[in-house]
C-alpha atoms as a PDB file:
ATOM      1  CA  MET A   1      18.875 -15.759  -4.586  1.00  0.00           C
ATOM      2  CA  TYR A   2      17.300 -12.599  -5.916  1.00  0.00           C
ATOM      3  CA  LYS A   3      19.578  -9.877  -7.385  1.00  0.00           C
ATOM      4  CA  ILE A   4      19.425  -6.466  -7.052  1.00  0.00           C
ATOM      5  CA  ARG A   5      19.546  -4.398 -10.529  1.00  0.00           C
ATOM      6  CA  LYS A   6      19.389  -1.018  -8.766  1.00  0.00           C
ATOM      7  CA  ALA A   7      19.357   0.489  -5.671  1.00  0.00           C
ATOM      8  CA  GLU A   8      17.994   4.333  -5.123  1.00  0.00           C
ATOM      9  CA  LYS A   9      17.634   6.409  -2.363  1.00  0.00           C
ATOM     10  CA  LEU A  10      14.121   8.534  -2.976  1.00  0.00           C
ATOM     11  CA  ALA A  11      14.016  10.922   0.337  1.00  0.00           C
ATOM     12  CA  ASP A  12      14.814  10.385   3.663  1.00  0.00           C
ATOM     13  CA  LYS A  13      14.396   7.274   5.005  1.00  0.00           C
ATOM     14  CA  ILE A  14      12.461   5.994   1.878  1.00  0.00           C
ATOM     15  CA  TYR A  15      14.449   3.729  -0.804  1.00  0.00           C
ATOM     16  CA  LEU A  16      13.556   1.889  -4.679  1.00  0.00           C
ATOM     17  CA  MET A  17      15.204  -1.573  -5.178  1.00  0.00           C
ATOM     18  CA  ASP A  18      14.847  -3.168  -9.026  1.00  0.00           C
ATOM     19  CA  VAL A  19      14.872  -6.790  -7.695  1.00  0.00           C
ATOM     20  CA  GLU A  20      15.693 -10.039 -10.577  1.00  0.00           C
ATOM     21  CA  ALA A  21      12.329 -12.117 -10.177  1.00  0.00           C
ATOM     22  CA  PRO A  22      11.282 -13.478 -13.179  1.00  0.00           C
ATOM     23  CA  ARG A  23       8.549 -15.449 -11.625  1.00  0.00           C
ATOM     24  CA  VAL A  24       7.068 -12.649  -9.715  1.00  0.00           C
ATOM     25  CA  ALA A  25       7.124  -9.984 -12.575  1.00  0.00           C
ATOM     26  CA  ARG A  26       5.418 -12.763 -15.021  1.00  0.00           C
ATOM     27  CA  HIS A  27       2.436 -13.419 -12.944  1.00  0.00           C
ATOM     28  CA  CYS A  28       1.832 -10.246 -10.645  1.00  0.00           C
ATOM     29  CA  GLU A  29      -0.222  -7.331 -11.251  1.00  0.00           C
ATOM     30  CA  PRO A  30      -1.567  -4.048  -9.802  1.00  0.00           C
ATOM     31  CA  GLY A  31      -2.192  -4.105  -6.051  1.00  0.00           C
ATOM     32  CA  GLN A  32      -0.389  -7.117  -4.874  1.00  0.00           C
ATOM     33  CA  PHE A  33       2.620  -7.674  -2.747  1.00  0.00           C
ATOM     34  CA  VAL A  34       5.839  -9.866  -2.219  1.00  0.00           C
ATOM     35  CA  ILE A  35       7.246 -11.046   1.203  1.00  0.00           C
ATOM     36  CA  VAL A  36      11.078 -10.305   0.892  1.00  0.00           C
ATOM     37  CA  LYS A  37      13.868 -11.934   3.385  1.00  0.00           C
ATOM     38  CA  LEU A  38      17.232 -10.722   3.355  1.00  0.00           C
ATOM     39  CA  ASP A  39      19.020 -13.940   4.292  1.00  0.00           C
ATOM     40  CA  GLU A  40      18.122 -17.284   6.697  1.00  0.00           C
ATOM     41  CA  LYS A  41      17.768 -15.515   9.793  1.00  0.00           C
ATOM     42  CA  GLY A  42      16.130 -12.374   8.511  1.00  0.00           C
ATOM     43  CA  GLU A  43      12.642 -10.773   8.669  1.00  0.00           C
ATOM     44  CA  ARG A  44       9.722 -11.561   6.487  1.00  0.00           C
ATOM     45  CA  ILE A  45       9.004  -7.692   5.199  1.00  0.00           C
ATOM     46  CA  PRO A  46       5.492  -7.694   3.294  1.00  0.00           C
ATOM     47  CA  LEU A  47       6.215  -5.118   0.422  1.00  0.00           C
ATOM     48  CA  THR A  48       3.559  -4.158  -1.977  1.00  0.00           C
ATOM     49  CA  ILE A  49       4.886  -3.834  -5.570  1.00  0.00           C
ATOM     50  CA  CYS A  50       5.512  -0.399  -6.644  1.00  0.00           C
ATOM     51  CA  ASP A  51       6.355  -1.647 -10.708  1.00  0.00           C
ATOM     52  CA  TYR A  52       7.285  -4.563 -12.742  1.00  0.00           C
ATOM     53  CA  ASP A  53       8.839  -5.441 -16.206  1.00  0.00           C
ATOM     54  CA  ARG A  54       7.537  -8.554 -17.391  1.00  0.00           C
ATOM     55  CA  GLU A  55      10.299  -8.512 -20.196  1.00  0.00           C
ATOM     56  CA  GLU A  56      13.505  -7.728 -18.053  1.00  0.00           C
ATOM     57  CA  GLY A  57      11.959 -10.121 -15.361  1.00  0.00           C
ATOM     58  CA  THR A  58      12.120  -7.605 -12.588  1.00  0.00           C
ATOM     59  CA  ILE A  59      10.018  -6.322  -9.792  1.00  0.00           C
ATOM     60  CA  THR A  60      10.628  -2.523  -8.117  1.00  0.00           C
ATOM     61  CA  ILE A  61       9.908  -2.615  -4.677  1.00  0.00           C
ATOM     62  CA  VAL A  62      10.138   0.928  -2.497  1.00  0.00           C
ATOM     63  CA  PHE A  63      10.452   0.784   1.330  1.00  0.00           C
ATOM     64  CA  GLN A  64      10.697   3.270   4.152  1.00  0.00           C
ATOM     65  CA  THR A  65      13.354   2.037   7.274  1.00  0.00           C
ATOM     66  CA  VAL A  66      11.366   1.862  10.284  1.00  0.00           C
ATOM     67  CA  GLY A  67      13.391  -0.777  11.925  1.00  0.00           C
ATOM     68  CA  ALA A  68      16.363  -2.943  11.860  1.00  0.00           C
ATOM     69  CA  SER A  69      15.709  -5.385   8.812  1.00  0.00           C
ATOM     70  CA  THR A  70      14.579  -2.086   6.821  1.00  0.00           C
ATOM     71  CA  GLU A  71      17.784  -0.928   7.534  1.00  0.00           C
ATOM     72  CA  LYS A  72      19.790  -3.531   6.487  1.00  0.00           C
ATOM     73  CA  PHE A  73      17.943  -3.478   3.453  1.00  0.00           C
ATOM     74  CA  ALA A  74      18.878   0.097   2.962  1.00  0.00           C
ATOM     75  CA  ALA A  75      22.515  -0.807   2.942  1.00  0.00           C
ATOM     76  CA  LEU A  76      22.269  -2.984   0.253  1.00  0.00           C
ATOM     77  CA  LYS A  77      23.739  -2.006  -3.578  1.00  0.00           C
ATOM     78  CA  ALA A  78      23.125  -3.076  -6.774  1.00  0.00           C
ATOM     79  CA  GLY A  79      24.826  -6.579  -7.101  1.00  0.00           C
ATOM     80  CA  ASP A  80      23.896  -7.917  -3.563  1.00  0.00           C
ATOM     81  CA  ALA A  81      20.690  -9.942  -3.363  1.00  0.00           C
ATOM     82  CA  PHE A  82      17.619 -11.620  -1.001  1.00  0.00           C
ATOM     83  CA  GLN A  83      17.611 -14.795  -0.457  1.00  0.00           C
ATOM     84  CA  ASP A  84      13.601 -14.859  -0.318  1.00  0.00           C
ATOM     85  CA  PHE A  85      11.295 -12.779  -2.953  1.00  0.00           C
ATOM     86  CA  THR A  86       8.018 -14.707  -2.431  1.00  0.00           C
ATOM     87  CA  GLY A  87       4.803 -13.492  -4.396  1.00  0.00           C
ATOM     88  CA  PRO A  88       3.019 -12.237  -6.032  1.00  0.00           C
ATOM     89  CA  LEU A  89       0.799 -12.588  -2.916  1.00  0.00           C
ATOM     90  CA  GLY A  90      -2.507 -10.744  -2.261  1.00  0.00           C
ATOM     91  CA  CYS A  91      -5.810  -9.827  -4.598  1.00  0.00           C
ATOM     92  CA  PRO A  92      -5.098  -7.672  -7.194  1.00  0.00           C
ATOM     93  CA  SER A  93      -6.753  -4.362  -7.478  1.00  0.00           C
ATOM     94  CA  GLU A  94     -10.253  -4.828  -8.707  1.00  0.00           C
ATOM     95  CA  LEU A  95      -9.750  -2.540 -11.517  1.00  0.00           C
ATOM     96  CA  VAL A  96      -7.990  -5.058 -13.440  1.00  0.00           C
ATOM     97  CA  HIS A  97     -11.169  -7.358 -13.747  1.00  0.00           C
ATOM     98  CA  GLU A  98     -13.654  -4.432 -14.777  1.00  0.00           C
ATOM     99  CA  ASP A  99     -14.351  -4.181 -18.072  1.00  0.00           C
ATOM    100  CA  ILE A 100     -12.276  -1.428 -19.930  1.00  0.00           C
ATOM    101  CA  GLU A 101     -14.791   0.616 -21.929  1.00  0.00           C
ATOM    102  CA  SER A 102     -16.849   0.614 -18.464  1.00  0.00           C
ATOM    103  CA  LEU A 103     -13.762   1.947 -16.638  1.00  0.00           C
ATOM    104  CA  LYS A 104     -13.100   4.744 -19.181  1.00  0.00           C
ATOM    105  CA  GLN A 105     -16.797   6.301 -18.736  1.00  0.00           C
ATOM    106  CA  LYS A 106     -15.761   6.482 -14.936  1.00  0.00           C
ATOM    107  CA  LYS A 107     -13.514   9.425 -13.567  1.00  0.00           C
ATOM    108  CA  ILE A 108     -11.529   7.860 -10.667  1.00  0.00           C
ATOM    109  CA  LEU A 109      -9.324   9.883  -8.258  1.00  0.00           C
ATOM    110  CA  PHE A 110      -6.385   8.221  -6.350  1.00  0.00           C
ATOM    111  CA  VAL A 111      -5.211   9.674  -3.035  1.00  0.00           C
ATOM    112  CA  GLY A 112      -1.720   8.373  -1.517  1.00  0.00           C
ATOM    113  CA  GLY A 113       0.397   9.366   1.281  1.00  0.00           C
ATOM    114  CA  GLY A 114       3.882   8.930   1.769  1.00  0.00           C
ATOM    115  CA  VAL A 115       5.314   5.918   0.768  1.00  0.00           C
ATOM    116  CA  GLY A 116       1.561   5.141  -0.107  1.00  0.00           C
ATOM    117  CA  SER A 117       2.685   6.676  -3.676  1.00  0.00           C
ATOM    118  CA  ALA A 118       4.407   3.692  -4.367  1.00  0.00           C
ATOM    119  CA  PRO A 119       1.212   1.327  -4.409  1.00  0.00           C
ATOM    120  CA  VAL A 120      -0.749   3.848  -6.146  1.00  0.00           C
ATOM    121  CA  TYR A 121       1.450   4.300  -9.282  1.00  0.00           C
ATOM    122  CA  PRO A 122       1.105   0.378 -10.639  1.00  0.00           C
ATOM    123  CA  GLN A 123      -2.642   0.864 -10.574  1.00  0.00           C
ATOM    124  CA  VAL A 124      -2.436   4.695 -12.641  1.00  0.00           C
ATOM    125  CA  LYS A 125       0.193   3.118 -14.882  1.00  0.00           C
ATOM    126  CA  TRP A 126      -1.927   0.553 -15.522  1.00  0.00           C
ATOM    127  CA  LEU A 127      -4.938   2.152 -16.400  1.00  0.00           C
ATOM    128  CA  LYS A 128      -3.123   4.880 -18.691  1.00  0.00           C
ATOM    129  CA  GLU A 129      -1.699   1.906 -20.427  1.00  0.00           C
ATOM    130  CA  HIS A 130      -5.448   0.903 -21.038  1.00  0.00           C
ATOM    131  CA  GLY A 131      -6.339   4.334 -22.309  1.00  0.00           C
ATOM    132  CA  VAL A 132      -8.027   5.518 -18.652  1.00  0.00           C
ATOM    133  CA  ASP A 133      -6.642   8.630 -16.961  1.00  0.00           C
ATOM    134  CA  ALA A 134      -6.861   8.965 -13.186  1.00  0.00           C
ATOM    135  CA  ASP A 135      -6.324  12.573 -11.048  1.00  0.00           C
ATOM    136  CA  VAL A 136      -3.708  11.641  -8.530  1.00  0.00           C
ATOM    137  CA  ILE A 137      -3.631  13.521  -5.647  1.00  0.00           C
ATOM    138  CA  ILE A 138      -0.175  12.460  -3.655  1.00  0.00           C
ATOM    139  CA  GLY A 139       0.784  14.240   0.081  1.00  0.00           C
ATOM    140  CA  ALA A 140       3.793  14.424   2.111  1.00  0.00           C
ATOM    141  CA  LYS A 141       4.867  16.339   4.791  1.00  0.00           C
ATOM    142  CA  THR A 142       8.011  18.341   3.000  1.00  0.00           C
ATOM    143  CA  LYS A 143       8.302  18.716  -0.732  1.00  0.00           C
ATOM    144  CA  ASP A 144      11.656  16.736  -0.047  1.00  0.00           C
ATOM    145  CA  MET A 145       9.139  13.566   1.012  1.00  0.00           C
ATOM    146  CA  LEU A 146       7.098  13.500  -2.068  1.00  0.00           C
ATOM    147  CA  ILE A 147       8.468  10.222  -4.195  1.00  0.00           C
ATOM    148  CA  LEU A 148       7.860   9.330  -7.751  1.00  0.00           C
ATOM    149  CA  GLU A 149       6.727  12.707  -9.050  1.00  0.00           C
ATOM    150  CA  ASP A 150       7.867  12.368 -12.688  1.00  0.00           C
ATOM    151  CA  GLU A 151       6.756   8.631 -13.050  1.00  0.00           C
ATOM    152  CA  MET A 152       3.275  10.013 -11.638  1.00  0.00           C
ATOM    153  CA  LYS A 153       2.979  13.037 -14.026  1.00  0.00           C
ATOM    154  CA  ALA A 154       3.964  10.705 -16.852  1.00  0.00           C
ATOM    155  CA  VAL A 155       0.554   8.373 -16.172  1.00  0.00           C
ATOM    156  CA  SER A 156      -1.873  10.372 -14.068  1.00  0.00           C
ATOM    157  CA  GLY A 157      -4.704  12.890 -15.858  1.00  0.00           C
ATOM    158  CA  ASN A 158      -4.011  15.183 -13.275  1.00  0.00           C
ATOM    159  CA  TYR A 159      -1.489  15.503 -10.724  1.00  0.00           C
ATOM    160  CA  TYR A 160      -2.070  17.578  -7.286  1.00  0.00           C
ATOM    161  CA  PRO A 161       1.106  17.183  -5.102  1.00  0.00           C
ATOM    162  CA  CYS A 162       0.389  18.398  -1.331  1.00  0.00           C
ATOM    163  CA  THR A 163       2.463  19.430   1.417  1.00  0.00           C
ATOM    164  CA  ASP A 164       1.895  19.779   5.065  1.00  0.00           C
ATOM    165  CA  ASP A 165       4.164  22.723   5.616  1.00  0.00           C
ATOM    166  CA  GLY A 166       2.614  24.628   2.255  1.00  0.00           C
ATOM    167  CA  THR A 167       6.430  25.073   0.505  1.00  0.00           C
ATOM    168  CA  TYR A 168       5.032  23.083  -2.794  1.00  0.00           C
ATOM    169  CA  GLY A 169       1.682  22.378  -4.645  1.00  0.00           C
ATOM    170  CA  HIS A 170      -1.383  22.290  -2.394  1.00  0.00           C
ATOM    171  CA  ALA A 171      -1.080  23.584   1.295  1.00  0.00           C
ATOM    172  CA  GLY A 172      -2.228  21.333   3.734  1.00  0.00           C
ATOM    173  CA  MET A 173      -4.065  17.654   3.888  1.00  0.00           C
ATOM    174  CA  VAL A 174      -4.925  15.576   1.148  1.00  0.00           C
ATOM    175  CA  THR A 175      -8.620  16.173   2.301  1.00  0.00           C
ATOM    176  CA  SER A 176      -8.418  19.578   1.747  1.00  0.00           C
ATOM    177  CA  MET A 177      -7.328  18.926  -1.788  1.00  0.00           C
ATOM    178  CA  ILE A 178     -10.066  16.659  -2.098  1.00  0.00           C
ATOM    179  CA  GLU A 179     -12.510  19.022  -1.072  1.00  0.00           C
ATOM    180  CA  GLU A 180     -11.351  21.831  -3.735  1.00  0.00           C
ATOM    181  CA  LEU A 181     -11.512  19.482  -6.512  1.00  0.00           C
ATOM    182  CA  VAL A 182     -14.920  18.567  -5.651  1.00  0.00           C
ATOM    183  CA  ASN A 183     -16.097  22.013  -4.804  1.00  0.00           C
ATOM    184  CA  GLY A 184     -14.900  23.069  -8.260  1.00  0.00           C
ATOM    185  CA  GLY A 185     -17.074  20.638 -10.037  1.00  0.00           C
ATOM    186  CA  ASN A 186     -15.415  17.774 -10.388  1.00  0.00           C
ATOM    187  CA  LYS A 187     -17.667  14.328  -9.814  1.00  0.00           C
ATOM    188  CA  TYR A 188     -15.860  11.306  -8.946  1.00  0.00           C
ATOM    189  CA  ASP A 189     -17.324   7.844  -9.725  1.00  0.00           C
ATOM    190  CA  LEU A 190     -14.217   6.020  -7.422  1.00  0.00           C
ATOM    191  CA  CYS A 191     -11.358   6.966  -5.243  1.00  0.00           C
ATOM    192  CA  VAL A 192      -8.681   4.588  -3.919  1.00  0.00           C
ATOM    193  CA  ALA A 193      -6.660   5.703  -1.324  1.00  0.00           C
ATOM    194  CA  ILE A 194      -3.039   4.044   0.161  1.00  0.00           C
ATOM    195  CA  GLY A 195      -1.004   5.554   2.650  1.00  0.00           C
ATOM    196  CA  PRO A 196      -0.703   5.450   6.291  1.00  0.00           C
ATOM    197  CA  VAL A 197      -4.245   4.414   8.322  1.00  0.00           C
ATOM    198  CA  ILE A 198      -4.776   7.027   9.747  1.00  0.00           C
ATOM    199  CA  MET A 199      -4.682   9.277   6.001  1.00  0.00           C
ATOM    200  CA  MET A 200      -7.049   6.530   5.163  1.00  0.00           C
ATOM    201  CA  LYS A 201      -9.453   6.745   7.669  1.00  0.00           C
ATOM    202  CA  PHE A 202     -10.281  10.427   7.395  1.00  0.00           C
ATOM    203  CA  THR A 203      -9.804  10.497   3.590  1.00  0.00           C
ATOM    204  CA  CYS A 204     -12.813   7.784   4.080  1.00  0.00           C
ATOM    205  CA  LEU A 205     -15.040  10.106   6.358  1.00  0.00           C
ATOM    206  CA  LEU A 206     -14.574  12.694   3.729  1.00  0.00           C
ATOM    207  CA  THR A 207     -15.567  10.549   0.881  1.00  0.00           C
ATOM    208  CA  LYS A 208     -18.590   9.143   2.410  1.00  0.00           C
ATOM    209  CA  LYS A 209     -19.964  12.522   3.342  1.00  0.00           C
ATOM    210  CA  LEU A 210     -19.193  13.382  -0.016  1.00  0.00           C
ATOM    211  CA  GLU A 211     -20.774  10.009  -1.275  1.00  0.00           C
ATOM    212  CA  ILE A 212     -17.730   9.092  -3.499  1.00  0.00           C
ATOM    213  CA  PRO A 213     -17.211   5.064  -3.041  1.00  0.00           C
ATOM    214  CA  THR A 214     -13.721   4.353  -2.264  1.00  0.00           C
ATOM    215  CA  VAL A 215     -10.954   1.881  -1.721  1.00  0.00           C
ATOM    216  CA  VAL A 216      -8.358   1.369   0.479  1.00  0.00           C
ATOM    217  CA  SER A 217      -5.512  -1.003   0.573  1.00  0.00           C
ATOM    218  CA  MET A 218      -4.728  -2.254   4.470  1.00  0.00           C
ATOM    219  CA  ASN A 219      -1.132  -3.394   3.578  1.00  0.00           C
ATOM    220  CA  PRO A 220       0.281  -0.967   6.356  1.00  0.00           C
ATOM    221  CA  ILE A 221      -0.991  -3.306   9.193  1.00  0.00           C
ATOM    222  CA  MET A 222       0.364  -6.937   7.551  1.00  0.00           C
ATOM    223  CA  VAL A 223       3.130  -8.033   9.356  1.00  0.00           C
ATOM    224  CA  ASP A 224       3.487 -12.008   8.321  1.00  0.00           C
ATOM    225  CA  GLY A 225       1.880 -11.782   4.959  1.00  0.00           C
ATOM    226  CA  THR A 226       0.088 -15.590   5.005  1.00  0.00           C
ATOM    227  CA  GLY A 227      -3.069 -14.868   7.008  1.00  0.00           C
ATOM    228  CA  MET A 228      -1.431 -16.830   9.742  1.00  0.00           C
ATOM    229  CA  CYS A 229      -0.170 -14.752  12.465  1.00  0.00           C
ATOM    230  CA  GLY A 230      -3.780 -12.567  12.783  1.00  0.00           C
ATOM    231  CA  ALA A 231      -1.720  -9.131  12.810  1.00  0.00           C
ATOM    232  CA  CYS A 232      -3.841  -7.784  10.186  1.00  0.00           C
ATOM    233  CA  ARG A 233      -7.439  -8.873  11.291  1.00  0.00           C
ATOM    234  CA  LEU A 234      -9.809  -6.453  10.975  1.00  0.00           C
ATOM    235  CA  HIS A 235     -13.640  -5.464  10.611  1.00  0.00           C
ATOM    236  CA  VAL A 236     -15.107  -4.775   7.391  1.00  0.00           C
ATOM    237  CA  GLY A 237     -18.683  -4.395   7.812  1.00  0.00           C
ATOM    238  CA  ASP A 238     -20.211  -7.255   9.657  1.00  0.00           C
ATOM    239  CA  GLU A 239     -17.006  -9.600   8.340  1.00  0.00           C
ATOM    240  CA  ILE A 240     -13.726 -10.549   9.767  1.00  0.00           C
ATOM    241  CA  LYS A 241     -10.819 -10.132   7.120  1.00  0.00           C
ATOM    242  CA  PHE A 242      -7.262 -10.839   7.178  1.00  0.00           C
ATOM    243  CA  ALA A 243      -5.451  -7.812   5.069  1.00  0.00           C
ATOM    244  CA  CYS A 244      -2.945 -10.117   3.288  1.00  0.00           C
ATOM    245  CA  VAL A 245      -5.272 -12.973   1.984  1.00  0.00           C
ATOM    246  CA  ASP A 246      -8.625 -11.293   1.787  1.00  0.00           C
ATOM    247  CA  GLY A 247      -7.188  -7.584   0.675  1.00  0.00           C
ATOM    248  CA  PRO A 248      -4.963  -6.171   0.622  1.00  0.00           C
ATOM    249  CA  GLU A 249      -7.905  -3.602  -0.675  1.00  0.00           C
ATOM    250  CA  PHE A 250     -11.484  -3.450   1.002  1.00  0.00           C
ATOM    251  CA  ASP A 251     -14.186  -0.842   0.820  1.00  0.00           C
ATOM    252  CA  GLY A 252     -12.926   1.699   3.223  1.00  0.00           C
ATOM    253  CA  HIS A 253     -16.477   2.736   4.322  1.00  0.00           C
ATOM    254  CA  LEU A 254     -16.828  -0.714   5.804  1.00  0.00           C
ATOM    255  CA  VAL A 255     -13.362  -0.616   7.219  1.00  0.00           C
ATOM    256  CA  ASN A 256     -12.877  -0.515  11.299  1.00  0.00           C
ATOM    257  CA  PHE A 257     -10.346   1.850  11.254  1.00  0.00           C
ATOM    258  CA  ASP A 258     -10.268   2.407  14.902  1.00  0.00           C
ATOM    259  CA  GLU A 259     -10.286  -0.711  16.047  1.00  0.00           C
ATOM    260  CA  ALA A 260      -7.509  -1.672  13.239  1.00  0.00           C
ATOM    261  CA  MET A 261      -5.455   1.354  14.679  1.00  0.00           C
ATOM    262  CA  LYS A 262      -5.770  -0.031  18.380  1.00  0.00           C
ATOM    263  CA  ARG A 263      -4.953  -3.673  17.387  1.00  0.00           C
ATOM    264  CA  GLN A 264      -1.689  -2.422  15.364  1.00  0.00           C
ATOM    265  CA  GLN A 265      -0.330  -0.799  18.817  1.00  0.00           C
ATOM    266  CA  MET A 266      -1.311  -3.677  21.090  1.00  0.00           C
ATOM    267  CA  TYR A 267       0.009  -6.595  18.421  1.00  0.00           C
ATOM    268  CA  LYS A 268       3.643  -4.683  18.653  1.00  0.00           C
ATOM    269  CA  THR A 269       3.929  -6.062  22.527  1.00  0.00           C
ATOM    270  CA  GLN A 270       3.851  -9.956  23.800  1.00  0.00           C
ATOM    271  CA  GLU A 271       0.976  -8.860  26.369  1.00  0.00           C
ATOM    272  CA  GLY A 272      -1.157  -7.304  23.967  1.00  0.00           C
ATOM    273  CA  ARG A 273      -0.786 -10.072  21.178  1.00  0.00           C
ATOM    274  CA  ALA A 274      -1.691 -12.491  24.327  1.00  0.00           C
ATOM    275  CA  MET A 275      -4.870 -10.508  25.121  1.00  0.00           C
ATOM    276  CA  LEU A 276      -5.962 -10.113  21.978  1.00  0.00           C
ATOM    277  CA  LYS A 277      -6.017 -13.827  21.896  1.00  0.00           C
ATOM    278  CA  LEU A 278      -8.088 -14.085  24.662  1.00  0.00           C
ATOM    279  CA  GLN A 279     -10.265 -11.443  23.373  1.00  0.00           C
ATOM    280  CA  GLU A 280     -10.456 -13.245  20.127  1.00  0.00           C
ATOM    281  CA  GLY A 281     -10.276 -16.446  20.014  1.00  0.00           C
ATOM    282  CA  ASP A 282     -10.578 -18.791  17.036  1.00  0.00           C
ATOM    283  CA  THR A 283     -10.813 -15.483  15.025  1.00  0.00           C
ATOM    284  CA  HIS A 284      -7.345 -14.434  16.180  1.00  0.00           C
ATOM    285  CA  HIS A 285      -5.483 -16.186  13.413  1.00  0.00           C
ATOM    286  CA  GLY A 286      -4.570 -19.570  11.958  1.00  0.00           C
ATOM    287  CA  GLY A 287      -2.431 -20.608  14.955  1.00  0.00           C
ATOM    288  CA  CYS A 288       0.908 -20.772  13.728  1.00  0.00           C
ATOM    289  CA  GLY A 289       2.118 -20.920  17.525  1.00  0.00           C
ATOM    290  CA  ASN A 290       5.048 -18.339  16.314  1.00  0.00           C
ATOM    291  CA  CYS A 291       4.096 -14.978  16.751  1.00  0.00           C
ATOM    292  CA  GLY A 292       3.761 -15.017  20.692  1.00  0.00           C
ATOM    293  CA  GLY A 293      -0.072 -14.845  20.389  1.00  0.00           C
ATOM    294  CA  ASP A 294      -0.878 -18.386  21.829  1.00  0.00           C
ATOM    295  CA  GLU A 295       1.050 -17.607  25.113  1.00  0.00           C
END
């Protein structure tokens, strides 16, 4: 069992928890994720690692309630426990493998949307710890939906909050903030965008026009998290990839977002999964036999 040390509500339907998971904490890197399961019959939920403390042996997760399983998660308190907490999974951010001195010469922009702030934070924090400042744009519908603001301000070079309703920070979408910064003379060597698929799509359309290399995290389309169910199958350029085992981060200018969003909708129904299996054949998934896609 994996004991919950802290449980906190950050915003409407958004929760943060610190969980005792020493092995995961010892080995995880920014960009990776865990699979969390409440009990024997619980659903497997992939969640990006928001933070970690190797000395304390804890992992911080942030999640939004979108179904029965996450609603059950939200009801947990400090002292309760998860039955399974598996990880670290997925590939770490490519930034952790780059030469630090080279990174210090680059100007990096992070763009997060909604709960996407959670996976943005550990990467920016890691860069700060290695002497690299990055600019951060975070978007939300309203000020009350912005999360981890104090933490983000502490680790970023410049922090730019955006609200759709214009009541706080920049009025408008994250893309208009990107344009404002670039038009103001900022030149970025890399953009990392994490958030809703539609936000990442339009961010990439803009950064491609601006000639800014962009990395995106396709964590939002994952279901099983092991490469078996096929939910996170996507085209990256001419190659077929699975977000959970090949990613979750990819070259955003090569990701077929329209296909990914269409698949995401179809995958929600048994009939849709069966149709995808027919269309995609052997590339659909690893043949787990559990997702309904074989029927």
